[in-house]
Amino acid sequence: MSKEVKVLVACGSGVASSTIAQEAIKEIAKDAGVNVRIVKGTIAEVPTKQNDVDVVFTTANYRKPLNKPYLSVFGLISNVNRAGTEKKVKDLLVKLANE
């Protein structure tokens, strides 16, 4: 049995693009059979909120060091290399669920 993966999805405002990304990540997780709990936030909240999750996804580039696995999911918003982004998200979620 895989564990629940706690996910932070962050964007500039914590509202618009993170909501779109959140819905895409829910679908990716569902298709992969991974149970996720998603919290949203702003880019500014990432350093604090990372302490409560297993992985951080952002819709904008984040260049500061993190203690958790991190992936930019801009492709889920822009549709630029969406399939590649979806695969990276799926692979990371499956890995974390099975740790």
C-alpha atoms as a PDB file:
ATOM      1  CA  MET A   1       0.000   0.000   0.000  1.00  0.00           C
ATOM      2  CA  SER A   2       1.448   3.330  -1.023  1.00  0.00           C
ATOM      3  CA  LYS A   3       1.404   6.295   1.291  1.00  0.00           C
ATOM      4  CA  GLU A   4      -0.483   9.531   0.747  1.00  0.00           C
ATOM      5  CA  VAL A   5       1.739  12.142  -0.884  1.00  0.00           C
ATOM      6  CA  LYS A   6       1.365  15.680   0.442  1.00  0.00           C
ATOM      7  CA  VAL A   7       1.791  18.208  -2.365  1.00  0.00           C
ATOM      8  CA  LEU A   8       2.293  21.981  -2.372  1.00  0.00           C
ATOM      9  CA  VAL A   9       1.245  23.750  -5.579  1.00  0.00           C
ATOM     10  CA  ALA A  10       2.377  27.375  -5.644  1.00  0.00           C
ATOM     11  CA  CYS A  11       2.026  30.284  -8.059  1.00  0.00           C
ATOM     12  CA  GLY A  12       2.498  34.024  -7.849  1.00  0.00           C
ATOM     13  CA  SER A  13      -0.872  34.793  -6.258  1.00  0.00           C
ATOM     14  CA  GLY A  14      -1.777  31.358  -4.895  1.00  0.00           C
ATOM     15  CA  VAL A  15      -5.045  31.453  -6.845  1.00  0.00           C
ATOM     16  CA  ALA A  16      -5.104  31.307 -10.632  1.00  0.00           C
ATOM     17  CA  SER A  17      -2.426  29.145 -12.220  1.00  0.00           C
ATOM     18  CA  SER A  18      -1.998  27.019  -9.094  1.00  0.00           C
ATOM     19  CA  THR A  19      -5.685  26.058  -9.336  1.00  0.00           C
ATOM     20  CA  ILE A  20      -5.228  24.916 -12.941  1.00  0.00           C
ATOM     21  CA  ALA A  21      -2.077  23.007 -12.010  1.00  0.00           C
ATOM     22  CA  GLN A  22      -3.767  21.499  -8.952  1.00  0.00           C
ATOM     23  CA  GLU A  23      -6.555  20.023 -11.071  1.00  0.00           C
ATOM     24  CA  ALA A  24      -4.059  18.602 -13.573  1.00  0.00           C
ATOM     25  CA  ILE A  25      -1.961  17.078 -10.761  1.00  0.00           C
ATOM     26  CA  LYS A  26      -5.086  15.496  -9.232  1.00  0.00           C
ATOM     27  CA  GLU A  27      -5.825  13.804 -12.575  1.00  0.00           C
ATOM     28  CA  ILE A  28      -2.222  12.657 -13.041  1.00  0.00           C
ATOM     29  CA  ALA A  29      -2.179  11.211  -9.507  1.00  0.00           C
ATOM     30  CA  LYS A  30      -5.539   9.503 -10.000  1.00  0.00           C
ATOM     31  CA  ASP A  31      -4.384   7.912 -13.270  1.00  0.00           C
ATOM     32  CA  ALA A  32      -1.177   6.750 -11.548  1.00  0.00           C
ATOM     33  CA  GLY A  33      -3.064   5.329  -8.563  1.00  0.00           C
ATOM     34  CA  VAL A  34      -1.389   7.735  -6.138  1.00  0.00           C
ATOM     35  CA  ASN A  35      -3.336   9.234  -3.246  1.00  0.00           C
ATOM     36  CA  VAL A  36      -2.463  12.936  -2.908  1.00  0.00           C
ATOM     37  CA  ARG A  37      -3.384  15.732  -0.545  1.00  0.00           C
ATOM     38  CA  ILE A  38      -2.823  19.094  -2.198  1.00  0.00           C
ATOM     39  CA  VAL A  39      -2.339  22.456  -0.544  1.00  0.00           C
ATOM     40  CA  LYS A  40      -1.928  25.664  -2.498  1.00  0.00           C
ATOM     41  CA  GLY A  41       0.143  28.707  -1.759  1.00  0.00           C
ATOM     42  CA  THR A  42       2.092  31.596  -3.157  1.00  0.00           C
ATOM     43  CA  ILE A  43       5.708  31.505  -4.267  1.00  0.00           C
ATOM     44  CA  ALA A  44       6.540  33.604  -1.187  1.00  0.00           C
ATOM     45  CA  GLU A  45       5.040  30.905   1.083  1.00  0.00           C
ATOM     46  CA  VAL A  46       7.121  28.048  -0.366  1.00  0.00           C
ATOM     47  CA  PRO A  47       9.992  28.239   2.177  1.00  0.00           C
ATOM     48  CA  THR A  48       7.545  27.836   5.078  1.00  0.00           C
ATOM     49  CA  LYS A  49       4.932  25.540   3.556  1.00  0.00           C
ATOM     50  CA  GLN A  50       7.533  23.077   2.225  1.00  0.00           C
ATOM     51  CA  ASN A  51       7.912  21.825   5.803  1.00  0.00           C
ATOM     52  CA  ASP A  52       4.383  20.371   5.730  1.00  0.00           C
ATOM     53  CA  VAL A  53       4.565  18.523   2.399  1.00  0.00           C
ATOM     54  CA  ASP A  54       6.477  15.803   0.556  1.00  0.00           C
ATOM     55  CA  VAL A  55       6.941  17.649  -2.750  1.00  0.00           C
ATOM     56  CA  VAL A  56       6.739  21.202  -4.117  1.00  0.00           C
ATOM     57  CA  PHE A  57       5.330  22.052  -7.548  1.00  0.00           C
ATOM     58  CA  THR A  58       5.344  25.640  -8.808  1.00  0.00           C
ATOM     59  CA  THR A  59       3.916  27.265 -11.917  1.00  0.00           C
ATOM     60  CA  ALA A  60       6.788  29.774 -12.004  1.00  0.00           C
ATOM     61  CA  ASN A  61      10.520  29.227 -11.688  1.00  0.00           C
ATOM     62  CA  TYR A  62      11.710  28.908  -8.112  1.00  0.00           C
ATOM     63  CA  ARG A  63      15.453  29.198  -7.665  1.00  0.00           C
ATOM     64  CA  LYS A  64      15.993  29.151  -3.906  1.00  0.00           C
ATOM     65  CA  PRO A  65      17.180  25.945  -2.209  1.00  0.00           C
ATOM     66  CA  LEU A  66      14.481  23.620  -0.913  1.00  0.00           C
ATOM     67  CA  ASN A  67      14.522  20.706   1.498  1.00  0.00           C
ATOM     68  CA  LYS A  68      11.936  18.798  -0.537  1.00  0.00           C
ATOM     69  CA  PRO A  69      11.775  17.502  -4.106  1.00  0.00           C
ATOM     70  CA  TYR A  70      10.787  20.304  -6.473  1.00  0.00           C
ATOM     71  CA  LEU A  71       9.416  20.511 -10.001  1.00  0.00           C
ATOM     72  CA  SER A  72       8.223  23.415 -12.123  1.00  0.00           C
ATOM     73  CA  VAL A  73       4.854  22.485 -13.636  1.00  0.00           C
ATOM     74  CA  PHE A  74       4.565  25.472 -15.970  1.00  0.00           C
ATOM     75  CA  GLY A  75       3.959  23.008 -18.812  1.00  0.00           C
ATOM     76  CA  LEU A  76       0.614  22.078 -17.246  1.00  0.00           C
ATOM     77  CA  ILE A  77      -0.457  25.719 -17.614  1.00  0.00           C
ATOM     78  CA  SER A  78       1.163  26.657 -20.923  1.00  0.00           C
ATOM     79  CA  ASN A  79       0.766  23.280 -22.670  1.00  0.00           C
ATOM     80  CA  VAL A  80       4.405  23.613 -23.770  1.00  0.00           C
ATOM     81  CA  ASN A  81       5.767  20.063 -23.471  1.00  0.00           C
ATOM     82  CA  ARG A  82       2.710  19.143 -21.407  1.00  0.00           C
ATOM     83  CA  ALA A  83       3.238  15.396 -21.923  1.00  0.00           C
ATOM     84  CA  GLY A  84       6.806  15.661 -20.640  1.00  0.00           C
ATOM     85  CA  THR A  85       5.689  17.630 -17.593  1.00  0.00           C
ATOM     86  CA  GLU A  86       2.894  15.139 -16.884  1.00  0.00           C
ATOM     87  CA  LYS A  87       5.392  12.255 -17.038  1.00  0.00           C
ATOM     88  CA  LYS A  88       7.790  14.008 -14.636  1.00  0.00           C
ATOM     89  CA  VAL A  89       4.921  14.698 -12.201  1.00  0.00           C
ATOM     90  CA  LYS A  90       3.689  11.105 -12.410  1.00  0.00           C
ATOM     91  CA  ASP A  91       7.162   9.608 -11.937  1.00  0.00           C
ATOM     92  CA  LEU A  92       7.883  11.831  -8.935  1.00  0.00           C
ATOM     93  CA  LEU A  93       4.508  11.133  -7.282  1.00  0.00           C
ATOM     94  CA  VAL A  94       4.863   7.377  -7.773  1.00  0.00           C
ATOM     95  CA  LYS A  95       8.408   7.440  -6.346  1.00  0.00           C
ATOM     96  CA  LEU A  96       7.301   9.400  -3.267  1.00  0.00           C
ATOM     97  CA  ALA A  97       4.240   7.195  -2.722  1.00  0.00           C
ATOM     98  CA  ASN A  98       6.439   4.121  -2.631  1.00  0.00           C
ATOM     99  CA  GLU A  99       9.172   5.441  -0.328  1.00  0.00           C
END
